[in-house]
C-alpha atoms as a PDB file:
ATOM      1  CA  MET A   1      -7.759   4.446   5.675  1.00  0.00           C
ATOM      2  CA  GLU A   2      -9.472   6.892   8.014  1.00  0.00           C
ATOM      3  CA  LEU A   3      -9.802   4.230  10.687  1.00  0.00           C
ATOM      4  CA  PHE A   4      -6.321   2.770  10.245  1.00  0.00           C
ATOM      5  CA  LEU A   5      -4.628   6.180  10.362  1.00  0.00           C
ATOM      6  CA  SER A   6      -6.779   7.629  13.164  1.00  0.00           C
ATOM      7  CA  LEU A   7      -8.233  10.552  11.230  1.00  0.00           C
ATOM      8  CA  HIS A   8     -11.286  10.505  13.515  1.00  0.00           C
ATOM      9  CA  TYR A   9      -8.930  11.446  16.381  1.00  0.00           C
ATOM     10  CA  ASN A  10      -7.901  14.608  14.539  1.00  0.00           C
ATOM     11  CA  PHE A  11     -10.289  17.358  15.599  1.00  0.00           C
ATOM     12  CA  VAL A  12     -11.008  20.576  17.486  1.00  0.00           C
ATOM     13  CA  HIS A  13     -13.252  20.637  20.545  1.00  0.00           C
ATOM     14  CA  GLU A  14     -14.253  23.706  22.550  1.00  0.00           C
ATOM     15  CA  GLY A  15     -11.381  25.681  21.102  1.00  0.00           C
ATOM     16  CA  LYS A  16      -8.750  23.071  21.963  1.00  0.00           C
ATOM     17  CA  LYS A  17      -6.890  21.356  19.116  1.00  0.00           C
ATOM     18  CA  TYR A  18      -6.375  17.596  19.146  1.00  0.00           C
ATOM     19  CA  ILE A  19      -4.142  17.208  16.098  1.00  0.00           C
ATOM     20  CA  ASN A  20      -3.285  13.701  14.931  1.00  0.00           C
ATOM     21  CA  GLU A  21      -0.731  13.743  12.098  1.00  0.00           C
ATOM     22  CA  ASN A  22      -0.979  10.101  10.985  1.00  0.00           C
ATOM     23  CA  TYR A  23      -3.298  10.589   8.023  1.00  0.00           C
ATOM     24  CA  ALA A  24      -1.603  13.750   6.763  1.00  0.00           C
ATOM     25  CA  ARG A  25       1.846  12.188   6.970  1.00  0.00           C
ATOM     26  CA  GLU A  26       0.982   8.950   5.178  1.00  0.00           C
ATOM     27  CA  MET A  27      -1.083  10.786   2.576  1.00  0.00           C
ATOM     28  CA  MET A  28       2.138  12.467   1.468  1.00  0.00           C
ATOM     29  CA  GLU A  29       4.791   9.901   2.356  1.00  0.00           C
ATOM     30  CA  LEU A  30       3.137   6.732   1.066  1.00  0.00           C
ATOM     31  CA  HIS A  31       0.364   7.650  -1.331  1.00  0.00           C
ATOM     32  CA  THR A  32       1.441  10.737  -3.262  1.00  0.00           C
ATOM     33  CA  VAL A  33       4.691  12.671  -3.239  1.00  0.00           C
ATOM     34  CA  GLY A  34       7.057  10.635  -1.022  1.00  0.00           C
ATOM     35  CA  ILE A  35       9.527  12.053   1.506  1.00  0.00           C
ATOM     36  CA  PHE A  36      12.315  12.796  -0.990  1.00  0.00           C
ATOM     37  CA  ASP A  37      12.368  13.506  -4.716  1.00  0.00           C
ATOM     38  CA  GLU A  38      14.696  11.731  -7.142  1.00  0.00           C
ATOM     39  CA  HIS A  39      17.463  14.236  -6.292  1.00  0.00           C
ATOM     40  CA  ASN A  40      17.183  13.420  -2.564  1.00  0.00           C
ATOM     41  CA  LYS A  41      15.537  16.751  -1.794  1.00  0.00           C
ATOM     42  CA  ARG A  42      12.736  16.808   0.776  1.00  0.00           C
ATOM     43  CA  ASN A  43       9.268  17.244  -0.673  1.00  0.00           C
ATOM     44  CA  TYR A  44       7.728  18.577   2.548  1.00  0.00           C
ATOM     45  CA  THR A  45       8.622  19.530   6.107  1.00  0.00           C
ATOM     46  CA  GLN A  46       7.317  18.530   9.509  1.00  0.00           C
ATOM     47  CA  LYS A  47       5.513  21.886   9.604  1.00  0.00           C
ATOM     48  CA  ASP A  48       3.730  20.932   6.369  1.00  0.00           C
ATOM     49  CA  VAL A  49       2.594  17.675   7.982  1.00  0.00           C
ATOM     50  CA  TYR A  50       1.171  19.535  10.977  1.00  0.00           C
ATOM     51  CA  GLU A  51      -0.560  22.186   8.888  1.00  0.00           C
ATOM     52  CA  ALA A  52      -2.018  19.554   6.561  1.00  0.00           C
ATOM     53  CA  ALA A  53      -3.341  17.679   9.595  1.00  0.00           C
ATOM     54  CA  ARG A  54      -5.060  20.854  10.770  1.00  0.00           C
ATOM     55  CA  GLY A  55      -6.733  21.185   7.389  1.00  0.00           C
ATOM     56  CA  LEU A  56      -7.870  17.555   7.560  1.00  0.00           C
ATOM     57  CA  THR A  57      -9.672  17.962  10.897  1.00  0.00           C
ATOM     58  CA  GLY A  58     -13.425  17.499  11.216  1.00  0.00           C
ATOM     59  CA  TRP A  59     -13.941  13.976   9.879  1.00  0.00           C
ATOM     60  CA  PHE A  60     -15.702  11.384  11.987  1.00  0.00           C
ATOM     61  CA  SER A  61     -16.541   7.722  11.376  1.00  0.00           C
ATOM     62  CA  MET A  62     -20.246   6.989  11.605  1.00  0.00           C
ATOM     63  CA  PRO A  63     -21.356   3.754  13.315  1.00  0.00           C
ATOM     64  CA  SER A  64     -22.498   0.965  11.044  1.00  0.00           C
ATOM     65  CA  GLU A  65     -26.229   0.415  10.752  1.00  0.00           C
ATOM     66  CA  LEU A  66     -25.515  -3.321  11.130  1.00  0.00           C
ATOM     67  CA  GLY A  67     -24.461  -3.014  14.758  1.00  0.00           C
ATOM     68  CA  ASP A  68     -21.533  -2.240  17.016  1.00  0.00           C
ATOM     69  CA  GLU A  69     -19.640  -5.387  16.001  1.00  0.00           C
ATOM     70  CA  TYR A  70     -19.228  -4.012  12.463  1.00  0.00           C
ATOM     71  CA  LEU A  71     -16.711  -1.411  11.397  1.00  0.00           C
ATOM     72  CA  PRO A  72     -18.087   2.018  10.418  1.00  0.00           C
ATOM     73  CA  MET A  73     -19.105   2.110   6.776  1.00  0.00           C
ATOM     74  CA  TYR A  74     -18.851   5.797   5.906  1.00  0.00           C
ATOM     75  CA  SER A  75     -17.541   9.137   7.117  1.00  0.00           C
ATOM     76  CA  ARG A  76     -19.185  12.410   8.026  1.00  0.00           C
ATOM     77  CA  PHE A  77     -17.687  15.885   8.125  1.00  0.00           C
ATOM     78  CA  ILE A  78     -18.587  17.843  11.249  1.00  0.00           C
ATOM     79  CA  PRO A  79     -17.776  21.568  10.783  1.00  0.00           C
ATOM     80  CA  GLU A  80     -17.554  22.181  14.540  1.00  0.00           C
ATOM     81  CA  ARG A  81     -14.635  19.714  14.716  1.00  0.00           C
ATOM     82  CA  TRP A  82     -12.685  21.481  11.944  1.00  0.00           C
ATOM     83  CA  ASP A  83      -9.746  23.821  12.667  1.00  0.00           C
ATOM     84  CA  ASP A  84     -10.861  27.026  10.946  1.00  0.00           C
ATOM     85  CA  GLY A  85      -7.656  28.947  11.672  1.00  0.00           C
ATOM     86  CA  GLU A  86      -5.118  30.217   9.143  1.00  0.00           C
ATOM     87  CA  LYS A  87      -2.639  27.611   7.923  1.00  0.00           C
ATOM     88  CA  THR A  88       0.562  27.726   5.860  1.00  0.00           C
ATOM     89  CA  TYR A  89       0.980  24.573   3.779  1.00  0.00           C
ATOM     90  CA  LEU A  90       3.681  24.058   1.129  1.00  0.00           C
ATOM     91  CA  GLY A  91       4.286  27.810   1.077  1.00  0.00           C
ATOM     92  CA  ARG A  92       0.630  28.838   0.754  1.00  0.00           C
ATOM     93  CA  THR A  93      -1.274  30.586   3.535  1.00  0.00           C
ATOM     94  CA  GLY A  94      -5.035  30.539   3.944  1.00  0.00           C
ATOM     95  CA  ASN A  95      -7.996  29.090   5.799  1.00  0.00           C
ATOM     96  CA  TRP A  96      -7.477  25.678   4.196  1.00  0.00           C
ATOM     97  CA  ASN A  97      -9.831  22.705   4.523  1.00  0.00           C
ATOM     98  CA  THR A  98      -9.497  19.109   3.304  1.00  0.00           C
ATOM     99  CA  ASP A  99     -10.168  19.895  -0.360  1.00  0.00           C
ATOM    100  CA  ASP A 100      -7.690  22.767  -0.242  1.00  0.00           C
ATOM    101  CA  ILE A 101      -4.933  20.606   1.257  1.00  0.00           C
ATOM    102  CA  ILE A 102      -5.272  18.000  -1.491  1.00  0.00           C
ATOM    103  CA  ARG A 103      -5.536  20.639  -4.225  1.00  0.00           C
ATOM    104  CA  ILE A 104      -2.436  22.500  -3.033  1.00  0.00           C
ATOM    105  CA  LEU A 105      -0.464  19.258  -2.755  1.00  0.00           C
ATOM    106  CA  PHE A 106      -1.171  18.371  -6.379  1.00  0.00           C
ATOM    107  CA  GLU A 107      -0.559  21.916  -7.583  1.00  0.00           C
ATOM    108  CA  GLU A 108       2.716  22.468  -5.745  1.00  0.00           C
ATOM    109  CA  ARG A 109       4.177  18.949  -6.114  1.00  0.00           C
ATOM    110  CA  SER A 110       2.576  17.657  -9.301  1.00  0.00           C
ATOM    111  CA  ARG A 111       5.804  16.530 -10.963  1.00  0.00           C
ATOM    112  CA  GLN A 112       7.145  14.894  -7.819  1.00  0.00           C
ATOM    113  CA  ILE A 113       3.866  13.051  -7.272  1.00  0.00           C
ATOM    114  CA  ALA A 114       3.785  11.800 -10.855  1.00  0.00           C
ATOM    115  CA  VAL A 115       7.401  10.617 -10.746  1.00  0.00           C
ATOM    116  CA  ASN A 116       6.919   8.902  -7.380  1.00  0.00           C
ATOM    117  CA  ILE A 117       3.800   6.994  -8.410  1.00  0.00           C
ATOM    118  CA  CYS A 118       5.197   6.059 -11.837  1.00  0.00           C
ATOM    119  CA  SER A 119       8.367   4.780 -10.144  1.00  0.00           C
ATOM    120  CA  LYS A 120       6.199   2.505  -8.008  1.00  0.00           C
ATOM    121  CA  LEU A 121       4.379   1.249 -11.113  1.00  0.00           C
ATOM    122  CA  TYR A 122       7.711   0.543 -12.812  1.00  0.00           C
ATOM    123  CA  CYS A 123       8.965  -1.446  -9.813  1.00  0.00           C
ATOM    124  CA  GLU A 124       5.692  -3.360  -9.602  1.00  0.00           C
ATOM    125  CA  PHE A 125       5.603  -4.471 -13.227  1.00  0.00           C
ATOM    126  CA  ILE A 126       9.181  -4.380 -14.571  1.00  0.00           C
ATOM    127  CA  GLY A 127      11.990  -4.440 -12.012  1.00  0.00           C
ATOM    128  CA  ASP A 128      13.440  -3.215  -8.741  1.00  0.00           C
ATOM    129  CA  GLU A 129      15.543  -0.383 -10.195  1.00  0.00           C
ATOM    130  CA  PRO A 130      13.418   2.025 -12.269  1.00  0.00           C
ATOM    131  CA  ASP A 131      14.738   3.497 -15.510  1.00  0.00           C
ATOM    132  CA  MET A 132      14.173   7.180 -14.779  1.00  0.00           C
ATOM    133  CA  ASN A 133      13.942   8.096 -18.472  1.00  0.00           C
ATOM    134  CA  VAL A 134      10.974   5.769 -18.792  1.00  0.00           C
ATOM    135  CA  VAL A 135       9.535   6.979 -15.487  1.00  0.00           C
ATOM    136  CA  HIS A 136       9.650  10.619 -16.600  1.00  0.00           C
ATOM    137  CA  GLU A 137       7.849   9.789 -19.846  1.00  0.00           C
ATOM    138  CA  LEU A 138       5.144   8.017 -17.852  1.00  0.00           C
ATOM    139  CA  ALA A 139       4.949  10.936 -15.410  1.00  0.00           C
ATOM    140  CA  THR A 140       4.352  13.364 -18.273  1.00  0.00           C
ATOM    141  CA  THR A 141       1.512  11.169 -19.524  1.00  0.00           C
ATOM    142  CA  PHE A 142       0.113  10.902 -15.996  1.00  0.00           C
ATOM    143  CA  ILE A 143      -0.128  14.672 -15.574  1.00  0.00           C
ATOM    144  CA  ALA A 144      -1.406  15.259 -19.120  1.00  0.00           C
ATOM    145  CA  SER A 145      -4.135  12.643 -18.529  1.00  0.00           C
ATOM    146  CA  ASN A 146      -5.406  14.501 -15.455  1.00  0.00           C
ATOM    147  CA  TRP A 147      -4.119  11.788 -13.112  1.00  0.00           C
ATOM    148  CA  GLU A 148      -5.812   8.894 -14.900  1.00  0.00           C
ATOM    149  CA  LEU A 149      -3.823   5.672 -14.480  1.00  0.00           C
ATOM    150  CA  LYS A 150      -5.214   3.870 -17.520  1.00  0.00           C
ATOM    151  CA  PRO A 151      -3.219   5.875 -20.121  1.00  0.00           C
ATOM    152  CA  VAL A 152      -0.057   5.439 -18.045  1.00  0.00           C
ATOM    153  CA  LEU A 153      -0.468   1.676 -17.845  1.00  0.00           C
ATOM    154  CA  ARG A 154      -1.332   1.458 -21.532  1.00  0.00           C
ATOM    155  CA  GLU A 155       1.874   3.298 -22.390  1.00  0.00           C
ATOM    156  CA  LEU A 156       3.946   1.155 -20.032  1.00  0.00           C
ATOM    157  CA  PHE A 157       2.582  -2.221 -21.157  1.00  0.00           C
ATOM    158  CA  GLY A 158       2.777  -1.287 -24.822  1.00  0.00           C
ATOM    159  CA  SER A 159       6.358  -0.025 -24.746  1.00  0.00           C
ATOM    160  CA  GLU A 160       9.415  -1.776 -26.181  1.00  0.00           C
ATOM    161  CA  HIS A 161      11.045  -1.330 -22.787  1.00  0.00           C
ATOM    162  CA  PHE A 162       8.406  -3.526 -21.152  1.00  0.00           C
ATOM    163  CA  PHE A 163       9.140  -6.392 -23.574  1.00  0.00           C
ATOM    164  CA  HIS A 164      12.916  -5.968 -23.652  1.00  0.00           C
ATOM    165  CA  GLU A 165      14.786  -9.207 -22.954  1.00  0.00           C
ATOM    166  CA  ASN A 166      16.701  -7.577 -20.099  1.00  0.00           C
ATOM    167  CA  ASN A 167      13.421  -7.063 -18.254  1.00  0.00           C
ATOM    168  CA  ARG A 168      12.226 -10.663 -18.428  1.00  0.00           C
ATOM    169  CA  GLY A 169      12.114 -12.874 -15.388  1.00  0.00           C
ATOM    170  CA  ILE A 170      13.529 -10.363 -12.921  1.00  0.00           C
ATOM    171  CA  LEU A 171      10.519  -9.714 -10.680  1.00  0.00           C
ATOM    172  CA  LYS A 172      10.413 -11.492  -7.320  1.00  0.00           C
ATOM    173  CA  LYS A 173       7.075 -13.001  -6.433  1.00  0.00           C
ATOM    174  CA  SER A 174       5.679 -12.345  -2.998  1.00  0.00           C
ATOM    175  CA  PRO A 175       5.059 -15.466  -0.887  1.00  0.00           C
ATOM    176  CA  ILE A 176       1.312 -15.345  -1.487  1.00  0.00           C
ATOM    177  CA  ASP A 177       1.781 -14.955  -5.261  1.00  0.00           C
ATOM    178  CA  TYR A 178       4.356 -17.755  -5.223  1.00  0.00           C
ATOM    179  CA  ILE A 179       2.273 -20.243  -3.248  1.00  0.00           C
ATOM    180  CA  ILE A 180      -1.218 -19.482  -4.548  1.00  0.00           C
ATOM    181  CA  GLY A 181       0.110 -19.145  -8.104  1.00  0.00           C
ATOM    182  CA  MET A 182       1.734 -22.576  -7.922  1.00  0.00           C
ATOM    183  CA  VAL A 183      -1.366 -24.114  -6.345  1.00  0.00           C
ATOM    184  CA  ARG A 184      -3.515 -22.832  -9.214  1.00  0.00           C
ATOM    185  CA  GLN A 185      -1.085 -23.461 -12.079  1.00  0.00           C
ATOM    186  CA  CYS A 186      -0.374 -27.014 -10.951  1.00  0.00           C
ATOM    187  CA  ASP A 187      -3.987 -27.714  -9.946  1.00  0.00           C
ATOM    188  CA  LEU A 188      -2.957 -28.929  -6.513  1.00  0.00           C
ATOM    189  CA  GLN A 189      -5.760 -30.645  -4.661  1.00  0.00           C
ATOM    190  CA  ASP A 190      -4.200 -31.843  -1.406  1.00  0.00           C
ATOM    191  CA  VAL A 191      -3.735 -28.443   0.222  1.00  0.00           C
ATOM    192  CA  PRO A 192      -5.316 -28.293   3.685  1.00  0.00           C
ATOM    193  CA  ASP A 193      -6.415 -24.662   3.545  1.00  0.00           C
ATOM    194  CA  PHE A 194      -8.463 -25.390   0.437  1.00  0.00           C
ATOM    195  CA  HIS A 195     -10.615 -28.032   2.117  1.00  0.00           C
ATOM    196  CA  LYS A 196     -14.077 -26.617   2.730  1.00  0.00           C
ATOM    197  CA  GLU A 197     -14.542 -28.720   5.863  1.00  0.00           C
ATOM    198  CA  GLN A 198     -11.421 -27.314   7.490  1.00  0.00           C
ATOM    199  CA  VAL A 199     -12.263 -24.863  10.261  1.00  0.00           C
ATOM    200  CA  ARG A 200      -8.903 -23.679  11.560  1.00  0.00           C
ATOM    201  CA  PRO A 201      -6.181 -22.223   9.349  1.00  0.00           C
ATOM    202  CA  GLY A 202      -3.481 -24.664   8.317  1.00  0.00           C
ATOM    203  CA  ASP A 203      -0.758 -25.264   5.820  1.00  0.00           C
ATOM    204  CA  ILE A 204      -0.815 -22.166   3.608  1.00  0.00           C
ATOM    205  CA  LEU A 205      -1.202 -19.629   6.407  1.00  0.00           C
ATOM    206  CA  ILE A 206       1.611 -21.237   8.377  1.00  0.00           C
ATOM    207  CA  ARG A 207       3.898 -21.156   5.338  1.00  0.00           C
ATOM    208  CA  LEU A 208       3.062 -17.526   4.623  1.00  0.00           C
ATOM    209  CA  GLU A 209       3.752 -16.507   8.196  1.00  0.00           C
ATOM    210  CA  SER A 210       7.108 -18.290   8.247  1.00  0.00           C
ATOM    211  CA  TRP A 211       7.997 -16.681   4.917  1.00  0.00           C
ATOM    212  CA  GLY A 212       7.205 -13.184   6.189  1.00  0.00           C
ATOM    213  CA  GLN A 213       3.817 -12.361   4.648  1.00  0.00           C
ATOM    214  CA  LEU A 214       0.906 -13.250   6.856  1.00  0.00           C
ATOM    215  CA  MET A 215      -2.199 -12.068   5.032  1.00  0.00           C
ATOM    216  CA  TYR A 216      -3.891  -8.902   6.352  1.00  0.00           C
ATOM    217  CA  ASN A 217      -1.068  -8.378   8.853  1.00  0.00           C
ATOM    218  CA  PRO A 218       1.612  -6.125   7.302  1.00  0.00           C
ATOM    219  CA  PRO A 219       4.494  -5.009   9.547  1.00  0.00           C
ATOM    220  CA  ASN A 220       3.499  -1.329   9.326  1.00  0.00           C
ATOM    221  CA  VAL A 221       1.311   1.098   7.373  1.00  0.00           C
ATOM    222  CA  SER A 222       3.636   1.000   4.361  1.00  0.00           C
ATOM    223  CA  GLY A 223       3.176  -2.750   3.995  1.00  0.00           C
ATOM    224  CA  TRP A 224       5.865  -5.257   3.102  1.00  0.00           C
ATOM    225  CA  LYS A 225       9.106  -4.039   1.520  1.00  0.00           C
ATOM    226  CA  GLY A 226       8.971  -6.786  -1.094  1.00  0.00           C
ATOM    227  CA  LYS A 227      11.444  -6.987  -3.989  1.00  0.00           C
ATOM    228  CA  ARG A 228      14.679  -8.692  -2.884  1.00  0.00           C
ATOM    229  CA  ASP A 229      13.311  -9.117   0.637  1.00  0.00           C
ATOM    230  CA  TRP A 230      11.155 -11.947  -0.687  1.00  0.00           C
ATOM    231  CA  VAL A 231      14.231 -14.000  -1.615  1.00  0.00           C
ATOM    232  CA  ASN A 232      16.472 -13.418   1.390  1.00  0.00           C
ATOM    233  CA  PRO A 233      18.663 -16.334   2.593  1.00  0.00           C
ATOM    234  CA  SER A 234      16.287 -17.389   5.376  1.00  0.00           C
ATOM    235  CA  VAL A 235      13.329 -17.803   3.002  1.00  0.00           C
ATOM    236  CA  LEU A 236      14.871 -18.831  -0.330  1.00  0.00           C
ATOM    237  CA  SER A 237      15.493 -22.413   0.775  1.00  0.00           C
ATOM    238  CA  ARG A 238      11.870 -22.767   1.865  1.00  0.00           C
ATOM    239  CA  ARG A 239      10.628 -21.509  -1.502  1.00  0.00           C
ATOM    240  CA  LEU A 240      12.852 -23.990  -3.317  1.00  0.00           C
ATOM    241  CA  GLN A 241      11.720 -26.802  -1.036  1.00  0.00           C
ATOM    242  CA  PHE A 242       8.053 -25.999  -1.706  1.00  0.00           C
ATOM    243  CA  ALA A 243       8.668 -26.058  -5.478  1.00  0.00           C
ATOM    244  CA  ARG A 244      10.550 -29.349  -5.146  1.00  0.00           C
ATOM    245  CA  GLU A 245       7.683 -30.926  -3.209  1.00  0.00           C
ATOM    246  CA  VAL A 246       5.196 -29.783  -5.837  1.00  0.00           C
ATOM    247  CA  ILE A 247       7.268 -31.141  -8.737  1.00  0.00           C
ATOM    248  CA  GLN A 248       7.785 -34.475  -6.988  1.00  0.00           C
ATOM    249  CA  ASN A 249       4.132 -34.632  -5.940  1.00  0.00           C
ATOM    250  CA  LYS A 250       5.198 -34.834  -2.299  1.00  0.00           C
ATOM    251  CA  LEU A 251       3.646 -31.731  -0.807  1.00  0.00           C
ATOM    252  CA  TYR A 252       3.902 -32.418   2.888  1.00  0.00           C
ATOM    253  CA  THR A 253       1.437 -30.713   5.174  1.00  0.00           C
ATOM    254  CA  ILE A 254       2.801 -28.588   7.997  1.00  0.00           C
ATOM    255  CA  SER A 255      -0.578 -28.048   9.645  1.00  0.00           C
ATOM    256  CA  TYR A 256      -0.797 -28.419  13.363  1.00  0.00           C
ATOM    257  CA  PRO A 257      -2.696 -31.606  14.277  1.00  0.00           C
ATOM    258  CA  SER A 258      -6.187 -31.231  15.682  1.00  0.00           C
ATOM    259  CA  PRO A 259      -6.491 -32.000  19.386  1.00  0.00           C
ATOM    260  CA  PRO A 260      -7.824 -35.494  20.120  1.00  0.00           C
ATOM    261  CA  SER A 261     -11.480 -35.761  20.969  1.00  0.00           C
ATOM    262  CA  ILE A 262     -12.318 -36.586  24.556  1.00  0.00           C
END
């Protein structure tokens, strides 16, 4: 996450500030509180993003011991690269560092964070439109459990709501879940990408790319939208065709042919 969001480019050098807001912004927007709460009220301002980024300065990726061709394996905090000035973040003023920024975020926006994350869990395991009564019950458990996910998931999976007939069969599988799940469930053998001797990527990767989910290549830092996007008009026919080929035992390869040997 540090590498992907350029945290190592967020530092102070010889009194000059080089503030990169990527990590601070996505820490709040994607991974904790979200931009807006359930009442469409902003959870933080642009000033909060900037001040959080200042508090997150000082981190640097250390080179891998395996060589330059490998990504760095761990981080190191360098005090000289940290912005030690006074900062005002979410209404609190002080000489905040990384630990302070995270602590203040969870103290000042605890309920919003819990609701946001529990809404994501609901959408992942039950359906696209979260029942906010259920979400609030899960959020209360989340906070009371000191941010442990296990009690939240136990409550969700053991609830009557989870097993209610209205919540059956409404999730939309992502392309990779759809294809790989069918390959495994139907014990398909003639799938080019599963041949050990195959060197170049083939059938499955090409299908995934045409369906909008090329592995390890999301469109942006938030990943794929998912949900109903997985069954849009341009892709639905391809999903149905793949299922039809599997059922009829006529799974046609779409791999590009290998160039002829000279």
